[in-house]
Amino acid sequence: MPEINIKQDFKPAKQFEKYYLIFNLFLGVVISWLCLIWFVIPVYDTYPDFLIVYLFVITVLPVAAIGFWNGLYYNTIIYHLNETEMTWKRGVWFRQTGIVPYNRITNVDIIQGPLMRIFKISNLRIQTAGYSTQKNAEIKIQGIENAEMLRELIMEFVRNKEPVAAATGGLNKKPADISMLSNEVLTELKEIKEILKSR
């Protein structure tokens, strides 16, 4: 795996392209055969020649289309780390980009399925403040060879940053700040009480 350097773009491992191709081909063939079972076989007696055409279409066209798209998609995936945040972009037809500051990251998980294990790659699922209860992560870094090393690099930045409150987006207050704020609120409430009494 090429070394991941701060302030330099990096991509998934090269074998991620093959993994993703196999995954998409399998998915495409399963969907095609489900369509065959549900829509084509019931009308086979009426249109017997249509089945042969459909079999050709579900074996040749998906392989060509998915193979072409897969290479384009891999070329669009770019990740970037710097001292304060990580950025990502991907997408062939619909471009997606995102920025995640380290001080919003709450958890980094490593995901590796059976097929990914064969290709010796993993995904990093990054949860952030405000997203921790959702099923999908705010960002997923796909197809990394040495995921442990990348996770440790990200977590090193996370440990060195002040956390951000999920509700307000501001820095978490220290206990001393909170008690000072409580005193200010109490003082204002007393002033309001005196004003109301004088009326």
Foldseek 3Di string as FASTA:
>chain_A
DDDADAQDKDAADPCVLVLVLVVQLVVLLVVLVVCCVPPPVVCCVVPVVVSVVSVVCSPPVSNVVSNVVSVQFRVFWIWHHHLFWIKIWTDDPDIDIDIGGLLFWDDKDWAADPSNVVVQFIKIATAGQQCVPPPHGPDIRGRHNCVVVVRVVSVVSNVVDFHAHNPPRHGDDDPVVVVVVVVVVVVVVVVVVVVVVVD
